C-alpha atoms as a PDB file:
ATOM      1  CA  MET A   1       0.000   0.000   0.000  1.00  0.00           C
ATOM      2  CA  SER A   2       1.201   3.503  -0.747  1.00  0.00           C
ATOM      3  CA  PRO A   3       1.555   5.806   2.264  1.00  0.00           C
ATOM      4  CA  ALA A   4      -1.429   8.002   3.096  1.00  0.00           C
ATOM      5  CA  ARG A   5      -1.119  11.757   3.115  1.00  0.00           C
ATOM      6  CA  PRO A   6      -0.916  13.312   6.579  1.00  0.00           C
ATOM      7  CA  ALA A   7      -4.404  13.744   8.000  1.00  0.00           C
ATOM      8  CA  PRO A   8      -5.387  17.417   8.162  1.00  0.00           C
ATOM      9  CA  ALA A   9      -6.793  19.119  11.222  1.00  0.00           C
ATOM     10  CA  GLY A  10      -9.972  21.166  11.233  1.00  0.00           C
ATOM     11  CA  ALA A  11     -12.406  21.703   8.368  1.00  0.00           C
ATOM     12  CA  LEU A  12     -12.161  19.432   5.338  1.00  0.00           C
ATOM     13  CA  LEU A  13     -15.262  20.693   3.566  1.00  0.00           C
ATOM     14  CA  GLU A  14     -16.587  24.249   3.664  1.00  0.00           C
ATOM     15  CA  MET A  15     -19.637  25.480   1.769  1.00  0.00           C
ATOM     16  CA  ARG A  16     -20.651  29.126   2.136  1.00  0.00           C
ATOM     17  CA  GLN A  17     -23.926  30.441   0.699  1.00  0.00           C
ATOM     18  CA  VAL A  18     -23.763  27.710  -1.903  1.00  0.00           C
ATOM     19  CA  SER A  19     -26.394  26.907  -4.483  1.00  0.00           C
ATOM     20  CA  PHE A  20     -25.874  23.791  -6.594  1.00  0.00           C
ATOM     21  CA  GLY A  21     -27.732  22.213  -9.474  1.00  0.00           C
ATOM     22  CA  ALA A  22     -28.785  18.762 -10.595  1.00  0.00           C
ATOM     23  CA  MET A  23     -26.353  16.656 -12.586  1.00  0.00           C
ATOM     24  CA  ARG A  24     -28.950  16.221 -15.337  1.00  0.00           C
ATOM     25  CA  ASP A  25     -29.611  19.967 -15.486  1.00  0.00           C
ATOM     26  CA  GLN A  26     -26.955  21.973 -13.726  1.00  0.00           C
ATOM     27  CA  THR A  27     -28.886  25.217 -14.253  1.00  0.00           C
ATOM     28  CA  GLN A  28     -31.762  23.954 -12.095  1.00  0.00           C
ATOM     29  CA  PRO A  29     -31.027  24.570  -8.365  1.00  0.00           C
ATOM     30  CA  VAL A  30     -31.355  21.559  -6.087  1.00  0.00           C
ATOM     31  CA  ALA A  31     -30.583  23.507  -2.908  1.00  0.00           C
ATOM     32  CA  THR A  32     -29.726  27.126  -2.151  1.00  0.00           C
ATOM     33  CA  GLU A  33     -27.890  29.021   0.585  1.00  0.00           C
ATOM     34  CA  VAL A  34     -26.093  25.933   1.857  1.00  0.00           C
ATOM     35  CA  ASN A  35     -23.706  26.634   4.746  1.00  0.00           C
ATOM     36  CA  TRP A  36     -21.925  23.475   5.819  1.00  0.00           C
ATOM     37  CA  THR A  37     -18.639  22.629   7.504  1.00  0.00           C
ATOM     38  CA  VAL A  38     -17.346  19.082   7.829  1.00  0.00           C
ATOM     39  CA  CYS A  39     -14.381  18.542  10.146  1.00  0.00           C
ATOM     40  CA  ALA A  40     -11.858  15.737  10.225  1.00  0.00           C
ATOM     41  CA  GLY A  41     -13.068  12.660  12.081  1.00  0.00           C
ATOM     42  CA  GLU A  42     -16.790  13.346  11.747  1.00  0.00           C
ATOM     43  CA  VAL A  43     -19.361  10.869  10.439  1.00  0.00           C
ATOM     44  CA  TRP A  44     -22.213  12.714   8.745  1.00  0.00           C
ATOM     45  CA  VAL A  45     -25.551  11.376   7.568  1.00  0.00           C
ATOM     46  CA  VAL A  46     -27.658  13.537   5.266  1.00  0.00           C
ATOM     47  CA  ALA A  47     -31.216  12.216   5.131  1.00  0.00           C
ATOM     48  CA  GLY A  48     -34.248  13.271   3.182  1.00  0.00           C
ATOM     49  CA  PRO A  49     -37.143  11.882   1.160  1.00  0.00           C
ATOM     50  CA  GLN A  50     -36.464  10.208  -2.150  1.00  0.00           C
ATOM     51  CA  ARG A  51     -35.722  12.617  -5.017  1.00  0.00           C
ATOM     52  CA  SER A  52     -34.771  15.381  -2.608  1.00  0.00           C
ATOM     53  CA  GLY A  53     -31.366  15.778  -4.269  1.00  0.00           C
ATOM     54  CA  LYS A  54     -29.082  13.749  -2.010  1.00  0.00           C
ATOM     55  CA  THR A  55     -27.203  12.174  -4.914  1.00  0.00           C
ATOM     56  CA  ASP A  56     -26.721  15.575  -6.546  1.00  0.00           C
ATOM     57  CA  LEU A  57     -25.356  16.895  -3.242  1.00  0.00           C
ATOM     58  CA  LEU A  58     -22.657  14.208  -3.176  1.00  0.00           C
ATOM     59  CA  LEU A  59     -21.823  14.635  -6.857  1.00  0.00           C
ATOM     60  CA  PHE A  60     -21.377  18.338  -6.171  1.00  0.00           C
ATOM     61  CA  ALA A  61     -19.330  17.671  -3.026  1.00  0.00           C
ATOM     62  CA  ALA A  62     -17.096  15.347  -5.067  1.00  0.00           C
ATOM     63  CA  GLY A  63     -16.326  18.246  -7.400  1.00  0.00           C
ATOM     64  CA  LEU A  64     -18.172  16.899 -10.429  1.00  0.00           C
ATOM     65  CA  MET A  65     -19.986  20.189 -11.053  1.00  0.00           C
ATOM     66  CA  PRO A  66     -19.449  23.834 -10.088  1.00  0.00           C
ATOM     67  CA  PRO A  67     -21.619  25.822  -7.667  1.00  0.00           C
ATOM     68  CA  LEU A  68     -24.282  28.068  -9.128  1.00  0.00           C
ATOM     69  CA  ARG A  69     -23.533  30.569  -6.365  1.00  0.00           C
ATOM     70  CA  GLY A  70     -21.314  30.781  -3.316  1.00  0.00           C
ATOM     71  CA  THR A  71     -17.968  29.181  -2.543  1.00  0.00           C
ATOM     72  CA  TYR A  72     -17.016  25.589  -1.915  1.00  0.00           C
ATOM     73  CA  ARG A  73     -13.604  24.534  -0.639  1.00  0.00           C
ATOM     74  CA  CYS A  74     -12.476  20.987   0.038  1.00  0.00           C
ATOM     75  CA  PHE A  75      -9.186  20.495   1.897  1.00  0.00           C
ATOM     76  CA  GLY A  76      -8.661  24.220   1.304  1.00  0.00           C
ATOM     77  CA  VAL A  77      -8.915  23.796  -2.471  1.00  0.00           C
ATOM     78  CA  GLU A  78     -11.576  25.745  -4.348  1.00  0.00           C
ATOM     79  CA  MET A  79     -13.868  23.285  -6.097  1.00  0.00           C
ATOM     80  CA  PRO A  80     -14.188  21.983  -8.686  1.00  0.00           C
ATOM     81  CA  VAL A  81     -10.627  21.261  -9.775  1.00  0.00           C
ATOM     82  CA  THR A  82     -10.227  21.317 -13.545  1.00  0.00           C
ATOM     83  CA  GLY A  83     -10.008  17.927 -15.207  1.00  0.00           C
ATOM     84  CA  ASP A  84      -6.553  18.494 -16.707  1.00  0.00           C
ATOM     85  CA  ALA A  85      -4.952  19.301 -13.328  1.00  0.00           C
ATOM     86  CA  PRO A  86      -2.344  16.854 -11.959  1.00  0.00           C
ATOM     87  CA  LEU A  87      -3.487  14.234  -9.472  1.00  0.00           C
ATOM     88  CA  GLU A  88      -1.768  16.080  -6.619  1.00  0.00           C
ATOM     89  CA  ALA A  89      -4.124  19.044  -7.161  1.00  0.00           C
ATOM     90  CA  PHE A  90      -7.220  17.004  -6.374  1.00  0.00           C
ATOM     91  CA  PRO A  91      -8.344  16.712  -2.748  1.00  0.00           C
ATOM     92  CA  PRO A  92      -8.151  13.153  -1.316  1.00  0.00           C
ATOM     93  CA  VAL A  93     -11.897  12.540  -1.730  1.00  0.00           C
ATOM     94  CA  ALA A  94     -13.680   9.466  -3.096  1.00  0.00           C
ATOM     95  CA  LEU A  95     -17.320   8.872  -3.995  1.00  0.00           C
ATOM     96  CA  VAL A  96     -19.088   5.530  -3.605  1.00  0.00           C
ATOM     97  CA  PHE A  97     -21.989   5.426  -6.052  1.00  0.00           C
ATOM     98  CA  ASP A  98     -25.249   3.715  -5.166  1.00  0.00           C
ATOM     99  CA  GLY A  99     -25.028   0.284  -6.781  1.00  0.00           C
ATOM    100  CA  GLY A 100     -21.274   0.514  -7.270  1.00  0.00           C
ATOM    101  CA  GLN A 101     -21.357   1.810 -10.877  1.00  0.00           C
ATOM    102  CA  LEU A 102     -18.851  -0.833 -11.912  1.00  0.00           C
ATOM    103  CA  PHE A 103     -17.637  -1.565 -15.421  1.00  0.00           C
ATOM    104  CA  ASN A 104     -19.379  -4.777 -16.412  1.00  0.00           C
ATOM    105  CA  HIS A 105     -16.737  -5.788 -18.968  1.00  0.00           C
ATOM    106  CA  LEU A 106     -14.055  -5.855 -16.239  1.00  0.00           C
ATOM    107  CA  SER A 107     -13.708  -8.363 -13.425  1.00  0.00           C
ATOM    108  CA  VAL A 108     -14.253  -7.212  -9.857  1.00  0.00           C
ATOM    109  CA  ALA A 109     -10.486  -7.187  -9.277  1.00  0.00           C
ATOM    110  CA  ASP A 110      -9.852  -5.181 -12.436  1.00  0.00           C
ATOM    111  CA  ASN A 111     -12.530  -2.673 -11.412  1.00  0.00           C
ATOM    112  CA  LEU A 112     -10.688  -2.147  -8.113  1.00  0.00           C
ATOM    113  CA  ALA A 113      -7.347  -1.826  -9.890  1.00  0.00           C
ATOM    114  CA  LEU A 114      -8.584   0.711 -12.430  1.00  0.00           C
ATOM    115  CA  PRO A 115      -8.010   3.863 -10.293  1.00  0.00           C
ATOM    116  CA  LEU A 116      -4.459   2.716  -9.551  1.00  0.00           C
ATOM    117  CA  ARG A 117      -3.713   2.048 -13.205  1.00  0.00           C
ATOM    118  CA  TYR A 118      -5.198   5.365 -14.305  1.00  0.00           C
ATOM    119  CA  HIS A 119      -4.042   7.740 -11.570  1.00  0.00           C
ATOM    120  CA  GLU A 120      -0.787   6.106 -10.472  1.00  0.00           C
ATOM    121  CA  ARG A 121       0.105   4.546 -13.828  1.00  0.00           C
ATOM    122  CA  LEU A 122       0.720   1.165 -12.201  1.00  0.00           C
ATOM    123  CA  PRO A 123       1.189  -1.877 -14.424  1.00  0.00           C
ATOM    124  CA  ALA A 124      -1.485  -4.548 -14.181  1.00  0.00           C
ATOM    125  CA  ASP A 125       0.472  -6.900 -11.892  1.00  0.00           C
ATOM    126  CA  ALA A 126       1.410  -4.174  -9.422  1.00  0.00           C
ATOM    127  CA  ALA A 127      -2.148  -2.817  -9.337  1.00  0.00           C
ATOM    128  CA  ARG A 128      -3.497  -6.320  -8.740  1.00  0.00           C
ATOM    129  CA  ARG A 129      -1.184  -6.816  -5.772  1.00  0.00           C
ATOM    130  CA  ARG A 130      -2.345  -3.490  -4.323  1.00  0.00           C
ATOM    131  CA  VAL A 131      -6.032  -4.454  -4.449  1.00  0.00           C
ATOM    132  CA  GLU A 132      -5.649  -7.864  -2.832  1.00  0.00           C
ATOM    133  CA  PRO A 133      -5.949  -6.456   0.730  1.00  0.00           C
ATOM    134  CA  LEU A 134      -9.077  -4.538  -0.343  1.00  0.00           C
ATOM    135  CA  LEU A 135     -10.632  -7.707  -1.749  1.00  0.00           C
ATOM    136  CA  GLU A 136      -9.859  -9.532   1.473  1.00  0.00           C
ATOM    137  CA  ALA A 137     -11.098  -6.772   3.784  1.00  0.00           C
ATOM    138  CA  THR A 138     -14.420  -6.476   1.958  1.00  0.00           C
ATOM    139  CA  GLY A 139     -14.996 -10.215   1.596  1.00  0.00           C
ATOM    140  CA  LEU A 140     -14.697 -10.056  -2.190  1.00  0.00           C
ATOM    141  CA  THR A 141     -11.744 -12.402  -2.707  1.00  0.00           C
ATOM    142  CA  PRO A 142     -13.955 -15.369  -3.796  1.00  0.00           C
ATOM    143  CA  TRP A 143     -15.571 -13.172  -6.443  1.00  0.00           C
ATOM    144  CA  ALA A 144     -12.440 -11.353  -7.664  1.00  0.00           C
ATOM    145  CA  GLU A 145     -12.514 -12.857 -11.168  1.00  0.00           C
ATOM    146  CA  ARG A 146     -16.268 -12.603 -11.592  1.00  0.00           C
ATOM    147  CA  LEU A 147     -17.937  -9.944 -13.740  1.00  0.00           C
ATOM    148  CA  PRO A 148     -20.035  -7.520 -11.686  1.00  0.00           C
ATOM    149  CA  GLN A 149     -23.327  -8.386 -13.382  1.00  0.00           C
ATOM    150  CA  THR A 150     -22.998 -11.986 -12.130  1.00  0.00           C
ATOM    151  CA  LEU A 151     -23.043 -10.816  -8.501  1.00  0.00           C
ATOM    152  CA  GLY A 152     -25.899  -9.696  -6.294  1.00  0.00           C
ATOM    153  CA  ARG A 153     -26.412  -6.006  -5.520  1.00  0.00           C
ATOM    154  CA  ASN A 154     -24.994  -6.545  -2.026  1.00  0.00           C
ATOM    155  CA  TRP A 155     -21.610  -7.495  -3.436  1.00  0.00           C
ATOM    156  CA  GLN A 156     -21.649  -4.943  -6.235  1.00  0.00           C
ATOM    157  CA  LYS A 157     -22.020  -2.218  -3.610  1.00  0.00           C
ATOM    158  CA  ARG A 158     -19.077  -3.638  -1.649  1.00  0.00           C
ATOM    159  CA  ALA A 159     -16.963  -3.646  -4.806  1.00  0.00           C
ATOM    160  CA  GLY A 160     -17.811   0.021  -5.340  1.00  0.00           C
ATOM    161  CA  LEU A 161     -16.666   0.753  -1.802  1.00  0.00           C
ATOM    162  CA  ALA A 162     -13.427  -1.192  -2.243  1.00  0.00           C
ATOM    163  CA  ARG A 163     -12.669   0.627  -5.506  1.00  0.00           C
ATOM    164  CA  ALA A 164     -13.208   3.993  -3.796  1.00  0.00           C
ATOM    165  CA  LEU A 165     -10.687   3.034  -1.108  1.00  0.00           C
ATOM    166  CA  ALA A 166      -7.970   2.084  -3.617  1.00  0.00           C
ATOM    167  CA  LEU A 167      -6.500   5.613  -3.644  1.00  0.00           C
ATOM    168  CA  ARG A 168      -6.700   5.906   0.168  1.00  0.00           C
ATOM    169  CA  PRO A 169      -9.096   8.864   0.475  1.00  0.00           C
ATOM    170  CA  GLN A 170      -9.336  10.940   3.635  1.00  0.00           C
ATOM    171  CA  LEU A 171     -12.937  11.962   2.928  1.00  0.00           C
ATOM    172  CA  LEU A 172     -15.371   9.312   1.712  1.00  0.00           C
ATOM    173  CA  LEU A 173     -18.757  10.219   0.218  1.00  0.00           C
ATOM    174  CA  LEU A 174     -21.299   7.375   0.199  1.00  0.00           C
ATOM    175  CA  ASP A 175     -24.517   7.609  -1.791  1.00  0.00           C
ATOM    176  CA  ASN A 176     -27.236   5.558  -0.071  1.00  0.00           C
ATOM    177  CA  PRO A 177     -24.807   2.832   1.060  1.00  0.00           C
ATOM    178  CA  LEU A 178     -27.451   0.851   2.985  1.00  0.00           C
ATOM    179  CA  GLY A 179     -30.143   1.052   0.296  1.00  0.00           C
ATOM    180  CA  GLY A 180     -31.426  -2.253  -1.050  1.00  0.00           C
ATOM    181  CA  LEU A 181     -29.311  -4.379   1.309  1.00  0.00           C
ATOM    182  CA  ASP A 182     -30.469  -7.254   3.452  1.00  0.00           C
ATOM    183  CA  ALA A 183     -29.993  -7.236   7.219  1.00  0.00           C
ATOM    184  CA  ARG A 184     -26.599  -8.889   7.453  1.00  0.00           C
ATOM    185  CA  HIS A 185     -25.089  -6.775   4.692  1.00  0.00           C
ATOM    186  CA  ARG A 186     -26.405  -3.615   6.368  1.00  0.00           C
ATOM    187  CA  ALA A 187     -24.733  -4.771   9.558  1.00  0.00           C
ATOM    188  CA  TRP A 188     -21.478  -5.429   7.703  1.00  0.00           C
ATOM    189  CA  TRP A 189     -21.504  -1.902   6.227  1.00  0.00           C
ATOM    190  CA  LEU A 190     -22.134  -0.229   9.568  1.00  0.00           C
ATOM    191  CA  THR A 191     -19.344  -2.264  11.156  1.00  0.00           C
ATOM    192  CA  PHE A 192     -16.886  -1.652   8.316  1.00  0.00           C
ATOM    193  CA  LEU A 193     -17.625   2.075   8.094  1.00  0.00           C
ATOM    194  CA  GLY A 194     -17.185   2.336  11.840  1.00  0.00           C
ATOM    195  CA  ALA A 195     -13.748   0.772  11.448  1.00  0.00           C
ATOM    196  CA  LEU A 196     -12.915   3.241   8.658  1.00  0.00           C
ATOM    197  CA  ALA A 197     -13.914   6.149  10.870  1.00  0.00           C
ATOM    198  CA  ARG A 198     -11.664   4.887  13.668  1.00  0.00           C
ATOM    199  CA  GLY A 199      -8.809   3.829  11.380  1.00  0.00           C
ATOM    200  CA  GLN A 200      -8.839   0.596   9.374  1.00  0.00           C
ATOM    201  CA  THR A 201      -5.930  -1.390  10.769  1.00  0.00           C
ATOM    202  CA  ALA A 202      -6.268  -4.254   8.263  1.00  0.00           C
ATOM    203  CA  LEU A 203      -5.778  -1.792   5.398  1.00  0.00           C
ATOM    204  CA  GLU A 204      -3.359   0.449   7.304  1.00  0.00           C
ATOM    205  CA  LEU A 205      -5.674   3.398   6.773  1.00  0.00           C
ATOM    206  CA  PRO A 206      -5.809   6.359   9.148  1.00  0.00           C
ATOM    207  CA  PRO A 207      -9.292   7.497  10.267  1.00  0.00           C
ATOM    208  CA  VAL A 208     -11.480   8.460   7.320  1.00  0.00           C
ATOM    209  CA  THR A 209     -14.083  11.215   7.521  1.00  0.00           C
ATOM    210  CA  LEU A 210     -17.439   9.979   6.217  1.00  0.00           C
ATOM    211  CA  ILE A 211     -20.517  11.549   4.639  1.00  0.00           C
ATOM    212  CA  ALA A 212     -23.395   9.198   3.822  1.00  0.00           C
ATOM    213  CA  THR A 213     -26.883   9.784   2.487  1.00  0.00           C
ATOM    214  CA  ASP A 214     -29.993   7.816   3.380  1.00  0.00           C
ATOM    215  CA  ASP A 215     -33.774   7.996   3.302  1.00  0.00           C
ATOM    216  CA  SER A 216     -33.795   7.555   7.087  1.00  0.00           C
ATOM    217  CA  PHE A 217     -31.736   8.526  10.118  1.00  0.00           C
ATOM    218  CA  GLU A 218     -32.743   5.381  12.002  1.00  0.00           C
ATOM    219  CA  PRO A 219     -29.983   2.954  10.895  1.00  0.00           C
ATOM    220  CA  TRP A 220     -27.313   5.545  11.733  1.00  0.00           C
ATOM    221  CA  MET A 221     -28.417   6.594  15.215  1.00  0.00           C
ATOM    222  CA  GLY A 222     -25.547   4.746  16.873  1.00  0.00           C
ATOM    223  CA  ALA A 223     -22.989   5.209  14.099  1.00  0.00           C
ATOM    224  CA  ALA A 224     -23.091   8.824  12.885  1.00  0.00           C
ATOM    225  CA  THR A 225     -21.855  11.820  14.856  1.00  0.00           C
ATOM    226  CA  ARG A 226     -23.497  14.611  12.821  1.00  0.00           C
ATOM    227  CA  PHE A 227     -26.827  14.842  11.013  1.00  0.00           C
ATOM    228  CA  ALA A 228     -28.368  17.062   8.324  1.00  0.00           C
ATOM    229  CA  LEU A 229     -31.634  17.204   6.389  1.00  0.00           C
ATOM    230  CA  LEU A 230     -32.130  17.886   2.673  1.00  0.00           C
ATOM    231  CA  HIS A 231     -35.709  18.672   1.704  1.00  0.00           C
ATOM    232  CA  GLU A 232     -37.489  20.954  -0.748  1.00  0.00           C
ATOM    233  CA  GLY A 233     -34.374  22.860  -1.735  1.00  0.00           C
ATOM    234  CA  ARG A 234     -33.141  23.482   1.803  1.00  0.00           C
ATOM    235  CA  PHE A 235     -30.105  21.949   3.459  1.00  0.00           C
ATOM    236  CA  THR A 236     -30.465  22.080   7.244  1.00  0.00           C
ATOM    237  CA  VAL A 237     -27.659  21.175   9.624  1.00  0.00           C
ATOM    238  CA  ILE A 238     -29.224  19.486  12.663  1.00  0.00           C
ATOM    239  CA  GLY A 239     -26.089  18.768  14.692  1.00  0.00           C
ATOM    240  CA  ASP A 240     -25.036  15.889  16.922  1.00  0.00           C
ATOM    241  CA  ARG A 241     -27.101  12.980  18.268  1.00  0.00           C
ATOM    242  CA  ALA A 242     -28.523  15.039  21.110  1.00  0.00           C
ATOM    243  CA  ALA A 243     -29.652  17.701  18.660  1.00  0.00           C
ATOM    244  CA  LEU A 244     -31.230  15.059  16.431  1.00  0.00           C
ATOM    245  CA  HIS A 245     -33.215  13.631  19.348  1.00  0.00           C
ATOM    246  CA  ALA A 246     -34.270  17.128  20.447  1.00  0.00           C
ATOM    247  CA  CYS A 247     -35.310  18.319  16.955  1.00  0.00           C
ATOM    248  CA  THR A 248     -39.063  18.972  16.759  1.00  0.00           C
ATOM    249  CA  ASP A 249     -39.331  19.160  12.970  1.00  0.00           C
ATOM    250  CA  PRO A 250     -42.039  16.626  11.987  1.00  0.00           C
ATOM    251  CA  LEU A 251     -40.077  15.343   8.983  1.00  0.00           C
ATOM    252  CA  VAL A 252     -36.956  14.832  11.098  1.00  0.00           C
ATOM    253  CA  GLY A 253     -39.079  12.911  13.592  1.00  0.00           C
ATOM    254  CA  GLU A 254     -40.430  10.712  10.813  1.00  0.00           C
ATOM    255  CA  LEU A 255     -36.977  10.014   9.392  1.00  0.00           C
ATOM    256  CA  ARG A 256     -35.617   9.372  12.882  1.00  0.00           C
ATOM    257  CA  GLN A 257     -38.261   6.812  13.788  1.00  0.00           C
ATOM    258  CA  ARG A 258     -38.595   5.003  10.477  1.00  0.00           C
ATOM    259  CA  GLU A 259     -37.879   1.359  11.160  1.00  0.00           C
ATOM    260  CA  LEU A 260     -35.570  -0.956   9.304  1.00  0.00           C
ATOM    261  CA  PRO A 261     -37.121  -3.805   7.281  1.00  0.00           C
ATOM    262  CA  THR A 262     -38.180  -6.851   9.257  1.00  0.00           C
ATOM    263  CA  GLY A 263     -35.188  -8.882  10.377  1.00  0.00           C
ATOM    264  CA  ALA A 264     -32.705  -6.012  10.279  1.00  0.00           C
ATOM    265  CA  CYS A 265     -29.887  -6.222  12.755  1.00  0.00           C
ATOM    266  CA  GLY A 266     -27.397  -3.906  14.380  1.00  0.00           C
ATOM    267  CA  PRO A 267     -23.721  -3.337  13.617  1.00  0.00           C
ATOM    268  CA  ASP A 268     -22.445  -5.815  16.206  1.00  0.00           C
ATOM    269  CA  THR A 269     -24.191  -8.814  14.666  1.00  0.00           C
ATOM    270  CA  ALA A 270     -21.865 -11.610  13.579  1.00  0.00           C
ATOM    271  CA  LEU A 271     -21.889 -11.928   9.811  1.00  0.00           C
ATOM    272  CA  SER A 272     -21.646 -14.827   7.431  1.00  0.00           C
ATOM    273  CA  GLU A 273     -19.593 -14.155   4.309  1.00  0.00           C
ATOM    274  CA  ARG A 274     -21.584 -16.386   1.959  1.00  0.00           C
ATOM    275  CA  GLN A 275     -22.728 -14.775  -1.259  1.00  0.00           C
ATOM    276  CA  SER A 276     -26.347 -13.656  -1.426  1.00  0.00           C
END
């Protein structure tokens, strides 16, 4: 594994009076007057109803489109960084797409190796050696040579996570990571993300700052440290767990109390690693 950059102190993400658009129509505002600071070591969950713009928020935070108004800095760098800039100019941020967004003509292992081959210009053998610990840590080793479309959604999402970790990000953006998963895979994600937030010893990763989106706060009540709401064009910072419990907004109360599907389990549940 290549050495990680020194972890910064203080704010990693700063949005001031930001308006951002939708990826499909960047002229159409999704949210306006967003003021948001994310500090190193925090675990954020941004919840809201479906089609409230949570995916667009993460695409914007990843630097894939410019703000319509306001300023956005990530690791002190004004975003977005132009596409022809050297790798060193880009903040150490990675985005995990809902469903993984893998290349179906490449094996799982080759999907994980792709960022290393593209950004670090590693030859195939060296890139493959670098992704072996990621395959092992995410339980994907038995499926390394399989094409993504032959795997269930549970494992495709894990492969997307493993690929995002290949370049050792310090800020990880996760679009609906628990969506569509069964109980034991949800538990695995909460456990694994908790280990990332503390520092993943198996992968020799320092603590990673996390931002996840979800349709509900409920699965994250014991895992996240900060909470925000995105609804009807407004981004509202709620605060820590105490603030979430104390919030009297009816929608926040609904999202806080929404139950997991029948049979869901918590992050400490022992997991089987059989494919589903």
